Structures are given as structure tokens and as C-alpha cells.
Amino acid sequence: MNMVRFNREEVRDILVSMVVIAGVFAYVFSGKSIQTALILLPATLITVGLGFVLHEIAHKLMAIRYGFWAEYRLWPEGLLLALVTAYFGFVFAAPGAVYIHGNYIERDVNGKISIAGPLTNILLAIMFLMVSTVLPSPLNQVAFLGYAVNSFLALFNLIPLAVLDGAKVFRWNPLIWLLAAAAAFALTFNSMF
């Protein structure tokens, strides 16, 4: 079994991606007020940033479990896209991805590596929802934000298109994709009401 290692560049890329993602979400949630976004930043680091980082680390750990070398790499164009879309009041972010190297990745292994990220967001969403019911205000609102954001991250990543996780999961096992997508949809739908 391969060892789990994070080199200095990978840690830097993860931290930069996490801060930018949390920052653009804080900016959009604040109604595009930089002053309010700075106040919201700690909450979005916990909710959005944590969801993003753990999603990517789940991919890495699953790839390593199957004997592959895996490393997160920042995608500057994706971070720029996040900044530009935030300026217009919404977030579309593709800050980077876990790159997997090794011999041919079989369809079932690729599907299992791909489902790890969205399942992590689903579990985080459920944990944030449970915590939101016991915390006092305003902490319960931060936890509920974590619930809503992680539900949506799971749902978005399960869209079965192109490079998203959903396409690889669907090719591997349409039933598992359907169950995960249905759970993410139900959680996302519930977070809106």
C-alpha cells in the first residue's frame, strides 16, 4: 500500500484553492460587499473550504488505496473563473483537481475513486445538519450553511457530464450513481426550505 504524502506544492495549492473558494462564496453570500465578506470568511472557510478540501482528499486517499500516485494540483484558470463569476453574483469554481497517475485505471476503480468526493460531501452535509439542530444561534446558521453548501457540492459533482465525478460514477454503476444523486438532490432540495 502506498503512503499518503502531501508535498509542499500540493499543500500550497490546496490552501490557496480553499481560501479562494471560501472567499468567493463569502463575497457572493455577502451581496458583493467586501466588508461583509471578510466577516463571513471564517464561516465559509469551515463550511465551503472544508467541504472542498475533504472532497479532494477523499479522491486522493481512494486512488492511493488502489495503488495509484495521486496529487492535488491547482488550476489557475479555474480560480480566475471563480473570481470572475463571483463578480457577477454567482460562483462557478473549478479550482483544481486530484491528478492520478499509474497504469490504466479500470472503469470500476475510476468510479469508486470518483464517488469518494461526493460521498464525503453528503456525509459532511448530514453532519452539519445534525450539528445545526443543537448549536445556539448564530452558530446553527453556520452549520446549516455547511449543510446546504455540501449538499449542493455533492449534487453538482454528481452531474453525469464530461469531467465531473458523476460521469465516471455513472459509467461504472448507474444504480450507485442514481442512489448518490438522489441523496444529494434530496439534501439540496431540503436545504432550500
N, C-alpha and C. Protein backbone atom coordinates (compact mmCIF):
# COMPACT_ATOMS: atom_id res chain seq x y z
N MET A 1 0.84 -1.19 0.00
CA MET A 1 0.00 0.00 0.00
C MET A 1 0.88 1.25 0.00
N ASN A 2 0.54 2.19 -0.86
CA ASN A 2 1.30 3.43 -0.95
C ASN A 2 1.06 4.30 0.28
N MET A 3 2.06 5.07 0.62
CA MET A 3 1.94 6.01 1.74
C MET A 3 1.21 7.27 1.28
N VAL A 4 0.47 7.86 2.20
CA VAL A 4 -0.20 9.12 1.90
C VAL A 4 0.77 10.24 2.24
N ARG A 5 1.12 11.00 1.22
CA ARG A 5 2.06 12.10 1.40
C ARG A 5 1.50 13.33 0.71
N PHE A 6 1.77 14.48 1.31
CA PHE A 6 1.43 15.77 0.72
C PHE A 6 2.72 16.57 0.62
N ASN A 7 3.16 16.87 -0.60
CA ASN A 7 4.36 17.69 -0.72
C ASN A 7 4.02 19.17 -0.53
N ARG A 8 5.04 19.98 -0.42
CA ARG A 8 4.85 21.40 -0.12
C ARG A 8 3.99 22.11 -1.17
N GLU A 9 4.21 21.80 -2.45
CA GLU A 9 3.44 22.45 -3.51
C GLU A 9 1.96 22.04 -3.44
N GLU A 10 1.72 20.78 -3.12
CA GLU A 10 0.34 20.30 -3.02
C GLU A 10 -0.39 20.98 -1.86
N VAL A 11 0.27 21.09 -0.72
CA VAL A 11 -0.33 21.77 0.43
C VAL A 11 -0.62 23.22 0.08
N ARG A 12 0.34 23.87 -0.59
CA ARG A 12 0.13 25.26 -1.02
C ARG A 12 -1.08 25.36 -1.95
N ASP A 13 -1.16 24.47 -2.94
CA ASP A 13 -2.27 24.50 -3.90
C ASP A 13 -3.61 24.28 -3.22
N ILE A 14 -3.64 23.35 -2.26
CA ILE A 14 -4.89 23.08 -1.52
C ILE A 14 -5.29 24.32 -0.72
N LEU A 15 -4.35 24.92 0.00
CA LEU A 15 -4.66 26.08 0.83
C LEU A 15 -5.09 27.28 -0.01
N VAL A 16 -4.39 27.54 -1.11
CA VAL A 16 -4.77 28.65 -1.99
C VAL A 16 -6.18 28.42 -2.54
N SER A 17 -6.44 27.21 -3.03
CA SER A 17 -7.77 26.89 -3.57
C SER A 17 -8.84 27.06 -2.49
N MET A 18 -8.56 26.56 -1.30
CA MET A 18 -9.52 26.63 -0.20
C MET A 18 -9.85 28.08 0.15
N VAL A 19 -8.84 28.92 0.26
CA VAL A 19 -9.07 30.33 0.62
C VAL A 19 -9.82 31.07 -0.49
N VAL A 20 -9.44 30.82 -1.75
CA VAL A 20 -10.13 31.50 -2.85
C VAL A 20 -11.59 31.05 -2.92
N ILE A 21 -11.83 29.75 -2.82
CA ILE A 21 -13.21 29.24 -2.86
C ILE A 21 -14.03 29.82 -1.71
N ALA A 22 -13.47 29.79 -0.50
CA ALA A 22 -14.19 30.35 0.66
C ALA A 22 -14.42 31.84 0.46
N GLY A 23 -13.42 32.54 -0.10
CA GLY A 23 -13.55 33.98 -0.32
C GLY A 23 -14.62 34.34 -1.32
N VAL A 24 -14.68 33.61 -2.45
CA VAL A 24 -15.70 33.95 -3.44
C VAL A 24 -17.11 33.62 -2.94
N PHE A 25 -17.24 32.53 -2.20
CA PHE A 25 -18.56 32.22 -1.62
C PHE A 25 -18.94 33.28 -0.59
N ALA A 26 -17.99 33.71 0.24
CA ALA A 26 -18.29 34.76 1.23
C ALA A 26 -18.71 36.04 0.51
N TYR A 27 -18.04 36.37 -0.58
CA TYR A 27 -18.35 37.58 -1.35
C TYR A 27 -19.76 37.51 -1.93
N VAL A 28 -20.11 36.37 -2.50
CA VAL A 28 -21.46 36.22 -3.08
C VAL A 28 -22.51 36.20 -1.98
N PHE A 29 -22.27 35.45 -0.90
CA PHE A 29 -23.23 35.39 0.21
C PHE A 29 -23.43 36.76 0.85
N SER A 30 -22.41 37.62 0.79
CA SER A 30 -22.49 38.94 1.43
C SER A 30 -23.24 39.96 0.57
N GLY A 31 -23.67 39.55 -0.62
CA GLY A 31 -24.30 40.51 -1.51
C GLY A 31 -23.26 41.39 -2.18
N LYS A 32 -22.06 40.86 -2.36
CA LYS A 32 -20.93 41.52 -3.01
C LYS A 32 -20.39 42.70 -2.20
N SER A 33 -20.42 42.56 -0.89
CA SER A 33 -19.84 43.56 0.00
C SER A 33 -18.53 42.99 0.56
N ILE A 34 -17.41 43.63 0.24
CA ILE A 34 -16.12 43.11 0.68
C ILE A 34 -16.03 43.13 2.21
N GLN A 35 -16.56 44.17 2.83
CA GLN A 35 -16.50 44.26 4.30
C GLN A 35 -17.28 43.10 4.94
N THR A 36 -18.47 42.84 4.46
CA THR A 36 -19.27 41.73 5.00
C THR A 36 -18.63 40.39 4.64
N ALA A 37 -18.04 40.29 3.45
CA ALA A 37 -17.38 39.05 3.03
C ALA A 37 -16.25 38.69 3.99
N LEU A 38 -15.51 39.70 4.45
CA LEU A 38 -14.42 39.44 5.40
C LEU A 38 -14.97 38.91 6.73
N ILE A 39 -16.14 39.36 7.12
CA ILE A 39 -16.78 38.87 8.34
C ILE A 39 -17.25 37.43 8.15
N LEU A 40 -17.75 37.13 6.94
CA LEU A 40 -18.26 35.78 6.63
C LEU A 40 -17.15 34.78 6.34
N LEU A 41 -15.95 35.26 6.04
CA LEU A 41 -14.88 34.36 5.61
C LEU A 41 -14.59 33.21 6.57
N PRO A 42 -14.52 33.42 7.89
CA PRO A 42 -14.29 32.25 8.77
C PRO A 42 -15.38 31.18 8.62
N ALA A 43 -16.64 31.61 8.45
CA ALA A 43 -17.74 30.65 8.29
C ALA A 43 -17.61 29.90 6.98
N THR A 44 -17.24 30.59 5.90
CA THR A 44 -17.14 29.90 4.61
C THR A 44 -15.88 29.03 4.55
N LEU A 45 -14.84 29.39 5.31
CA LEU A 45 -13.67 28.51 5.38
C LEU A 45 -14.06 27.17 6.01
N ILE A 46 -14.89 27.21 7.05
CA ILE A 46 -15.32 25.99 7.74
C ILE A 46 -16.29 25.18 6.89
N THR A 47 -17.22 25.86 6.25
CA THR A 47 -18.29 25.15 5.54
C THR A 47 -17.91 24.80 4.11
N VAL A 48 -17.57 25.80 3.31
CA VAL A 48 -17.22 25.58 1.91
C VAL A 48 -15.80 25.03 1.79
N GLY A 49 -14.86 25.69 2.45
CA GLY A 49 -13.46 25.29 2.34
C GLY A 49 -13.22 23.87 2.80
N LEU A 50 -13.79 23.52 3.94
CA LEU A 50 -13.64 22.17 4.47
C LEU A 50 -14.27 21.15 3.52
N GLY A 51 -15.45 21.47 3.00
CA GLY A 51 -16.11 20.57 2.06
C GLY A 51 -15.28 20.34 0.81
N PHE A 52 -14.68 21.41 0.29
CA PHE A 52 -13.85 21.31 -0.90
C PHE A 52 -12.60 20.46 -0.62
N VAL A 53 -11.89 20.79 0.46
CA VAL A 53 -10.64 20.08 0.77
C VAL A 53 -10.89 18.60 1.03
N LEU A 54 -11.88 18.29 1.84
CA LEU A 54 -12.14 16.88 2.16
C LEU A 54 -12.62 16.10 0.94
N HIS A 55 -13.36 16.76 0.05
CA HIS A 55 -13.79 16.14 -1.21
C HIS A 55 -12.56 15.69 -2.00
N GLU A 56 -11.61 16.60 -2.16
CA GLU A 56 -10.41 16.29 -2.95
C GLU A 56 -9.52 15.26 -2.25
N ILE A 57 -9.38 15.38 -0.93
CA ILE A 57 -8.57 14.41 -0.19
C ILE A 57 -9.19 13.02 -0.27
N ALA A 58 -10.52 12.94 -0.30
CA ALA A 58 -11.18 11.63 -0.43
C ALA A 58 -10.80 10.97 -1.75
N HIS A 59 -10.77 11.77 -2.84
CA HIS A 59 -10.33 11.22 -4.13
C HIS A 59 -8.90 10.71 -4.03
N LYS A 60 -8.04 11.51 -3.43
CA LYS A 60 -6.62 11.14 -3.30
C LYS A 60 -6.46 9.85 -2.51
N LEU A 61 -7.12 9.77 -1.35
CA LEU A 61 -6.98 8.59 -0.50
C LEU A 61 -7.50 7.33 -1.19
N MET A 62 -8.60 7.46 -1.90
CA MET A 62 -9.14 6.29 -2.60
C MET A 62 -8.21 5.86 -3.73
N ALA A 63 -7.63 6.82 -4.45
CA ALA A 63 -6.69 6.48 -5.52
C ALA A 63 -5.46 5.77 -4.95
N ILE A 64 -4.96 6.29 -3.83
CA ILE A 64 -3.79 5.67 -3.20
C ILE A 64 -4.13 4.26 -2.71
N ARG A 65 -5.35 4.09 -2.22
CA ARG A 65 -5.79 2.76 -1.76
C ARG A 65 -5.69 1.74 -2.88
N TYR A 66 -5.93 2.20 -4.12
CA TYR A 66 -5.86 1.28 -5.26
C TYR A 66 -4.47 1.25 -5.89
N GLY A 67 -3.50 1.84 -5.22
CA GLY A 67 -2.12 1.73 -5.67
C GLY A 67 -1.64 2.80 -6.63
N PHE A 68 -2.42 3.86 -6.81
CA PHE A 68 -2.03 4.92 -7.73
C PHE A 68 -1.34 6.06 -6.98
N TRP A 69 -0.53 6.80 -7.70
CA TRP A 69 0.02 8.04 -7.17
C TRP A 69 -1.01 9.12 -7.47
N ALA A 70 -1.34 9.94 -6.49
CA ALA A 70 -2.35 10.97 -6.66
C ALA A 70 -1.91 12.24 -5.96
N GLU A 71 -2.18 13.36 -6.63
CA GLU A 71 -1.76 14.66 -6.08
C GLU A 71 -2.74 15.74 -6.53
N TYR A 72 -3.09 16.62 -5.58
CA TYR A 72 -3.95 17.76 -5.92
C TYR A 72 -3.10 18.81 -6.61
N ARG A 73 -3.65 19.36 -7.70
CA ARG A 73 -2.99 20.45 -8.40
C ARG A 73 -3.98 21.57 -8.67
N LEU A 74 -3.53 22.75 -8.37
CA LEU A 74 -4.32 23.96 -8.59
C LEU A 74 -4.45 24.22 -10.08
N TRP A 75 -5.60 24.74 -10.47
CA TRP A 75 -5.83 25.13 -11.85
C TRP A 75 -6.08 26.63 -11.85
N PRO A 76 -5.06 27.46 -12.18
CA PRO A 76 -5.21 28.92 -12.10
C PRO A 76 -6.40 29.46 -12.89
N GLU A 77 -6.66 28.89 -14.06
CA GLU A 77 -7.79 29.34 -14.87
C GLU A 77 -9.12 29.11 -14.15
N GLY A 78 -9.20 28.00 -13.42
CA GLY A 78 -10.41 27.70 -12.66
C GLY A 78 -10.61 28.67 -11.51
N LEU A 79 -9.52 29.06 -10.86
CA LEU A 79 -9.62 30.06 -9.79
C LEU A 79 -10.03 31.41 -10.37
N LEU A 80 -9.49 31.76 -11.52
CA LEU A 80 -9.87 33.01 -12.18
C LEU A 80 -11.35 32.99 -12.55
N LEU A 81 -11.82 31.85 -13.05
CA LEU A 81 -13.24 31.70 -13.37
C LEU A 81 -14.10 31.92 -12.13
N ALA A 82 -13.67 31.39 -10.98
CA ALA A 82 -14.41 31.59 -9.73
C ALA A 82 -14.47 33.06 -9.37
N LEU A 83 -13.37 33.76 -9.53
CA LEU A 83 -13.34 35.20 -9.21
C LEU A 83 -14.23 36.00 -10.15
N VAL A 84 -14.18 35.69 -11.44
CA VAL A 84 -14.99 36.41 -12.42
C VAL A 84 -16.48 36.16 -12.19
N THR A 85 -16.86 34.90 -11.98
CA THR A 85 -18.29 34.61 -11.78
C THR A 85 -18.79 35.22 -10.47
N ALA A 86 -17.94 35.26 -9.44
CA ALA A 86 -18.34 35.88 -8.17
C ALA A 86 -18.64 37.36 -8.37
N TYR A 87 -17.88 38.01 -9.23
CA TYR A 87 -18.12 39.42 -9.53
C TYR A 87 -19.54 39.62 -10.07
N PHE A 88 -20.05 38.62 -10.80
CA PHE A 88 -21.39 38.70 -11.37
C PHE A 88 -22.46 38.13 -10.44
N GLY A 89 -22.07 37.73 -9.23
CA GLY A 89 -23.05 37.34 -8.22
C GLY A 89 -23.33 35.86 -8.09
N PHE A 90 -22.56 35.01 -8.74
CA PHE A 90 -22.72 33.57 -8.57
C PHE A 90 -21.33 32.94 -8.60
N VAL A 91 -21.26 31.68 -8.21
CA VAL A 91 -19.95 31.02 -8.18
C VAL A 91 -19.96 29.80 -9.08
N PHE A 92 -19.03 29.79 -10.01
CA PHE A 92 -18.71 28.58 -10.76
C PHE A 92 -17.23 28.39 -10.57
N ALA A 93 -16.86 27.35 -9.85
CA ALA A 93 -15.47 27.18 -9.47
C ALA A 93 -14.95 25.81 -9.89
N ALA A 94 -13.78 25.84 -10.45
CA ALA A 94 -13.04 24.61 -10.76
C ALA A 94 -11.59 24.89 -10.38
N PRO A 95 -11.32 24.97 -9.07
CA PRO A 95 -10.01 25.45 -8.63
C PRO A 95 -8.85 24.48 -8.88
N GLY A 96 -9.16 23.24 -9.09
CA GLY A 96 -8.11 22.25 -9.31
C GLY A 96 -8.71 20.86 -9.19
N ALA A 97 -7.83 19.89 -9.21
CA ALA A 97 -8.30 18.50 -9.14
C ALA A 97 -7.18 17.60 -8.67
N VAL A 98 -7.57 16.41 -8.26
CA VAL A 98 -6.59 15.39 -7.92
C VAL A 98 -6.21 14.68 -9.21
N TYR A 99 -4.94 14.73 -9.52
CA TYR A 99 -4.42 14.05 -10.71
C TYR A 99 -3.90 12.67 -10.28
N ILE A 100 -4.31 11.67 -11.03
CA ILE A 100 -3.97 10.29 -10.69
C ILE A 100 -3.07 9.75 -11.79
N HIS A 101 -1.96 9.17 -11.38
CA HIS A 101 -1.01 8.61 -12.34
C HIS A 101 -0.76 7.15 -12.01
N GLY A 102 -0.54 6.41 -13.04
CA GLY A 102 -0.27 4.99 -12.88
C GLY A 102 -0.69 4.28 -14.15
N ASN A 103 -0.79 2.99 -14.08
CA ASN A 103 -1.24 2.23 -15.23
C ASN A 103 -2.71 2.51 -15.48
N TYR A 104 -3.25 1.88 -16.46
CA TYR A 104 -4.66 2.04 -16.83
C TYR A 104 -5.57 1.90 -15.61
N ILE A 105 -6.50 2.84 -15.47
CA ILE A 105 -7.46 2.80 -14.36
C ILE A 105 -8.74 2.13 -14.88
N GLU A 106 -9.08 0.99 -14.32
CA GLU A 106 -10.28 0.29 -14.75
C GLU A 106 -11.53 1.09 -14.40
N ARG A 107 -12.59 0.85 -15.15
CA ARG A 107 -13.82 1.61 -15.00
C ARG A 107 -14.37 1.55 -13.58
N ASP A 108 -14.36 0.36 -12.96
CA ASP A 108 -14.92 0.26 -11.61
C ASP A 108 -14.05 0.99 -10.58
N VAL A 109 -12.75 0.92 -10.75
CA VAL A 109 -11.84 1.62 -9.83
C VAL A 109 -12.00 3.13 -10.01
N ASN A 110 -12.08 3.59 -11.25
CA ASN A 110 -12.28 5.01 -11.51
C ASN A 110 -13.60 5.50 -10.92
N GLY A 111 -14.62 4.67 -11.02
CA GLY A 111 -15.92 5.01 -10.43
C GLY A 111 -15.85 5.12 -8.92
N LYS A 112 -15.13 4.20 -8.30
CA LYS A 112 -15.00 4.22 -6.83
C LYS A 112 -14.18 5.42 -6.36
N ILE A 113 -13.12 5.74 -7.11
CA ILE A 113 -12.34 6.92 -6.77
C ILE A 113 -13.21 8.17 -6.93
N SER A 114 -14.02 8.21 -7.97
CA SER A 114 -14.85 9.38 -8.27
C SER A 114 -15.99 9.57 -7.28
N ILE A 115 -16.59 8.48 -6.79
CA ILE A 115 -17.71 8.60 -5.85
C ILE A 115 -17.25 9.05 -4.48
N ALA A 116 -15.98 8.86 -4.16
CA ALA A 116 -15.46 9.21 -2.83
C ALA A 116 -15.67 10.68 -2.49
N GLY A 117 -15.47 11.57 -3.46
CA GLY A 117 -15.63 13.01 -3.20
C GLY A 117 -17.07 13.39 -2.88
N PRO A 118 -18.03 13.08 -3.77
CA PRO A 118 -19.42 13.41 -3.48
C PRO A 118 -19.96 12.73 -2.21
N LEU A 119 -19.55 11.48 -1.95
CA LEU A 119 -20.00 10.81 -0.72
C LEU A 119 -19.47 11.55 0.52
N THR A 120 -18.26 12.07 0.42
CA THR A 120 -17.70 12.87 1.52
C THR A 120 -18.57 14.11 1.75
N ASN A 121 -18.99 14.78 0.66
CA ASN A 121 -19.85 15.96 0.82
C ASN A 121 -21.21 15.59 1.38
N ILE A 122 -21.75 14.44 0.99
CA ILE A 122 -23.04 14.00 1.53
C ILE A 122 -22.91 13.75 3.03
N LEU A 123 -21.84 13.06 3.44
CA LEU A 123 -21.64 12.81 4.88
C LEU A 123 -21.43 14.12 5.64
N LEU A 124 -20.66 15.04 5.08
CA LEU A 124 -20.46 16.34 5.73
C LEU A 124 -21.79 17.08 5.84
N ALA A 125 -22.60 17.04 4.79
CA ALA A 125 -23.90 17.72 4.83
C ALA A 125 -24.76 17.18 5.97
N ILE A 126 -24.81 15.87 6.10
CA ILE A 126 -25.60 15.26 7.17
C ILE A 126 -25.05 15.64 8.54
N MET A 127 -23.71 15.64 8.67
CA MET A 127 -23.11 16.03 9.96
C MET A 127 -23.40 17.49 10.28
N PHE A 128 -23.27 18.38 9.29
CA PHE A 128 -23.57 19.79 9.52
C PHE A 128 -25.05 19.97 9.89
N LEU A 129 -25.95 19.23 9.23
CA LEU A 129 -27.38 19.33 9.56
C LEU A 129 -27.64 18.90 10.99
N MET A 130 -27.05 17.79 11.41
CA MET A 130 -27.25 17.30 12.78
C MET A 130 -26.71 18.32 13.80
N VAL A 131 -25.53 18.86 13.51
CA VAL A 131 -24.93 19.84 14.42
C VAL A 131 -25.77 21.12 14.47
N SER A 132 -26.37 21.51 13.34
CA SER A 132 -27.17 22.75 13.31
C SER A 132 -28.38 22.69 14.23
N THR A 133 -28.84 21.48 14.54
CA THR A 133 -30.03 21.35 15.39
C THR A 133 -29.71 21.51 16.87
N VAL A 134 -28.43 21.44 17.24
CA VAL A 134 -28.08 21.53 18.66
C VAL A 134 -27.27 22.78 19.02
N LEU A 135 -26.79 23.49 18.02
CA LEU A 135 -25.99 24.68 18.29
C LEU A 135 -26.88 25.90 18.52
N PRO A 136 -26.45 26.82 19.34
CA PRO A 136 -27.19 28.07 19.51
C PRO A 136 -26.97 28.99 18.30
N SER A 137 -27.86 29.94 18.12
CA SER A 137 -27.70 30.93 17.06
C SER A 137 -26.55 31.86 17.43
N PRO A 138 -25.73 32.33 16.55
CA PRO A 138 -25.71 32.17 15.09
C PRO A 138 -24.90 30.95 14.61
N LEU A 139 -24.33 30.17 15.54
CA LEU A 139 -23.53 29.01 15.13
C LEU A 139 -24.37 28.00 14.36
N ASN A 140 -25.65 27.89 14.72
CA ASN A 140 -26.50 26.94 13.99
C ASN A 140 -26.68 27.37 12.53
N GLN A 141 -26.62 28.69 12.29
CA GLN A 141 -26.74 29.17 10.91
C GLN A 141 -25.48 28.83 10.10
N VAL A 142 -24.32 28.88 10.74
CA VAL A 142 -23.08 28.49 10.08
C VAL A 142 -23.13 27.00 9.74
N ALA A 143 -23.59 26.19 10.68
CA ALA A 143 -23.70 24.75 10.45
C ALA A 143 -24.71 24.46 9.34
N PHE A 144 -25.82 25.22 9.32
CA PHE A 144 -26.81 25.00 8.26
C PHE A 144 -26.23 25.39 6.90
N LEU A 145 -25.41 26.43 6.88
CA LEU A 145 -24.74 26.81 5.64
C LEU A 145 -23.85 25.65 5.16
N GLY A 146 -23.13 25.02 6.10
CA GLY A 146 -22.32 23.86 5.75
C GLY A 146 -23.16 22.73 5.17
N TYR A 147 -24.34 22.54 5.74
CA TYR A 147 -25.27 21.53 5.23
C TYR A 147 -25.68 21.85 3.80
N ALA A 148 -26.11 23.09 3.57
CA ALA A 148 -26.60 23.49 2.25
C ALA A 148 -25.50 23.43 1.20
N VAL A 149 -24.33 23.97 1.53
CA VAL A 149 -23.23 24.02 0.56
C VAL A 149 -22.73 22.62 0.22
N ASN A 150 -22.54 21.77 1.22
CA ASN A 150 -22.03 20.43 0.95
C ASN A 150 -23.05 19.58 0.20
N SER A 151 -24.33 19.78 0.47
CA SER A 151 -25.37 19.08 -0.30
C SER A 151 -25.26 19.46 -1.77
N PHE A 152 -25.12 20.78 -2.02
CA PHE A 152 -25.04 21.25 -3.40
C PHE A 152 -23.74 20.79 -4.07
N LEU A 153 -22.62 20.82 -3.33
CA LEU A 153 -21.35 20.35 -3.91
C LEU A 153 -21.47 18.90 -4.36
N ALA A 154 -22.12 18.08 -3.54
CA ALA A 154 -22.31 16.67 -3.91
C ALA A 154 -23.16 16.57 -5.16
N LEU A 155 -24.28 17.29 -5.17
CA LEU A 155 -25.20 17.23 -6.31
C LEU A 155 -24.52 17.72 -7.59
N PHE A 156 -23.84 18.85 -7.51
CA PHE A 156 -23.17 19.39 -8.69
C PHE A 156 -22.13 18.41 -9.23
N ASN A 157 -21.31 17.85 -8.35
CA ASN A 157 -20.26 16.93 -8.78
C ASN A 157 -20.81 15.62 -9.32
N LEU A 158 -22.06 15.30 -9.00
CA LEU A 158 -22.66 14.06 -9.50
C LEU A 158 -23.37 14.24 -10.84
N ILE A 159 -23.36 15.45 -11.39
CA ILE A 159 -23.92 15.64 -12.73
C ILE A 159 -23.11 14.75 -13.69
N PRO A 160 -23.79 13.90 -14.45
CA PRO A 160 -23.05 12.93 -15.28
C PRO A 160 -22.56 13.51 -16.61
N LEU A 161 -21.78 14.58 -16.53
CA LEU A 161 -21.25 15.23 -17.72
C LEU A 161 -19.73 15.31 -17.67
N ALA A 162 -19.12 15.09 -18.78
CA ALA A 162 -17.70 15.32 -19.06
C ALA A 162 -16.77 14.92 -17.93
N VAL A 163 -16.07 15.91 -17.37
CA VAL A 163 -15.02 15.63 -16.39
C VAL A 163 -15.53 15.56 -14.95
N LEU A 164 -16.80 15.79 -14.74
CA LEU A 164 -17.34 15.74 -13.38
C LEU A 164 -17.36 14.29 -12.88
N ASP A 165 -17.36 14.16 -11.55
CA ASP A 165 -17.36 12.83 -10.93
C ASP A 165 -18.54 11.99 -11.40
N GLY A 166 -19.68 12.62 -11.60
CA GLY A 166 -20.90 11.90 -11.95
C GLY A 166 -20.77 11.07 -13.21
N ALA A 167 -20.05 11.57 -14.21
CA ALA A 167 -19.90 10.83 -15.47
C ALA A 167 -19.15 9.52 -15.23
N LYS A 168 -18.10 9.57 -14.41
CA LYS A 168 -17.29 8.37 -14.14
C LYS A 168 -18.06 7.37 -13.27
N VAL A 169 -18.83 7.91 -12.31
CA VAL A 169 -19.63 7.04 -11.44
C VAL A 169 -20.73 6.37 -12.27
N PHE A 170 -21.38 7.14 -13.14
CA PHE A 170 -22.47 6.60 -13.96
C PHE A 170 -21.95 5.51 -14.89
N ARG A 171 -20.77 5.72 -15.50
CA ARG A 171 -20.20 4.69 -16.39
C ARG A 171 -19.89 3.41 -15.61
N TRP A 172 -19.47 3.57 -14.36
CA TRP A 172 -19.14 2.41 -13.54
C TRP A 172 -20.39 1.67 -13.09
N ASN A 173 -21.36 2.41 -12.48
CA ASN A 173 -22.53 1.76 -11.91
C ASN A 173 -23.69 2.75 -11.86
N PRO A 174 -24.59 2.72 -12.84
CA PRO A 174 -25.70 3.67 -12.88
C PRO A 174 -26.59 3.63 -11.62
N LEU A 175 -26.73 2.47 -11.00
CA LEU A 175 -27.56 2.37 -9.80
C LEU A 175 -26.92 3.12 -8.63
N ILE A 176 -25.63 2.95 -8.44
CA ILE A 176 -24.94 3.68 -7.36
C ILE A 176 -24.99 5.17 -7.65
N TRP A 177 -24.79 5.55 -8.92
CA TRP A 177 -24.91 6.97 -9.28
C TRP A 177 -26.30 7.49 -8.92
N LEU A 178 -27.35 6.74 -9.29
CA LEU A 178 -28.72 7.17 -9.03
C LEU A 178 -28.98 7.34 -7.53
N LEU A 179 -28.52 6.39 -6.73
CA LEU A 179 -28.72 6.48 -5.27
C LEU A 179 -27.99 7.68 -4.68
N ALA A 180 -26.74 7.90 -5.10
CA ALA A 180 -25.96 9.03 -4.58
C ALA A 180 -26.57 10.35 -5.05
N ALA A 181 -26.95 10.42 -6.34
CA ALA A 181 -27.55 11.65 -6.88
C ALA A 181 -28.89 11.94 -6.21
N ALA A 182 -29.68 10.90 -5.95
CA ALA A 182 -30.98 11.09 -5.28
C ALA A 182 -30.78 11.60 -3.87
N ALA A 183 -29.79 11.06 -3.15
CA ALA A 183 -29.50 11.54 -1.79
C ALA A 183 -29.04 12.98 -1.82
N ALA A 184 -28.14 13.32 -2.75
CA ALA A 184 -27.65 14.70 -2.85
C ALA A 184 -28.78 15.64 -3.24
N PHE A 185 -29.65 15.20 -4.15
CA PHE A 185 -30.79 16.04 -4.55
C PHE A 185 -31.73 16.27 -3.38
N ALA A 186 -32.05 15.20 -2.64
CA ALA A 186 -32.96 15.34 -1.51
C ALA A 186 -32.40 16.29 -0.46
N LEU A 187 -31.11 16.15 -0.17
CA LEU A 187 -30.47 17.04 0.80
C LEU A 187 -30.46 18.48 0.33
N THR A 188 -30.14 18.68 -0.95
CA THR A 188 -30.11 20.04 -1.52
C THR A 188 -31.50 20.64 -1.52
N PHE A 189 -32.48 19.87 -1.96
CA PHE A 189 -33.87 20.35 -2.01
C PHE A 189 -34.33 20.73 -0.59
N ASN A 190 -34.05 19.88 0.37
CA ASN A 190 -34.45 20.14 1.76
C ASN A 190 -33.78 21.40 2.31
N SER A 191 -32.53 21.67 1.87
CA SER A 191 -31.81 22.84 2.39
C SER A 191 -32.40 24.15 1.91
N MET A 192 -33.23 24.08 0.86
CA MET A 192 -33.83 25.31 0.31
C MET A 192 -35.11 25.69 1.04
N PHE A 193 -35.60 24.83 1.93
CA PHE A 193 -36.88 25.13 2.58
C PHE A 193 -36.79 25.11 4.09
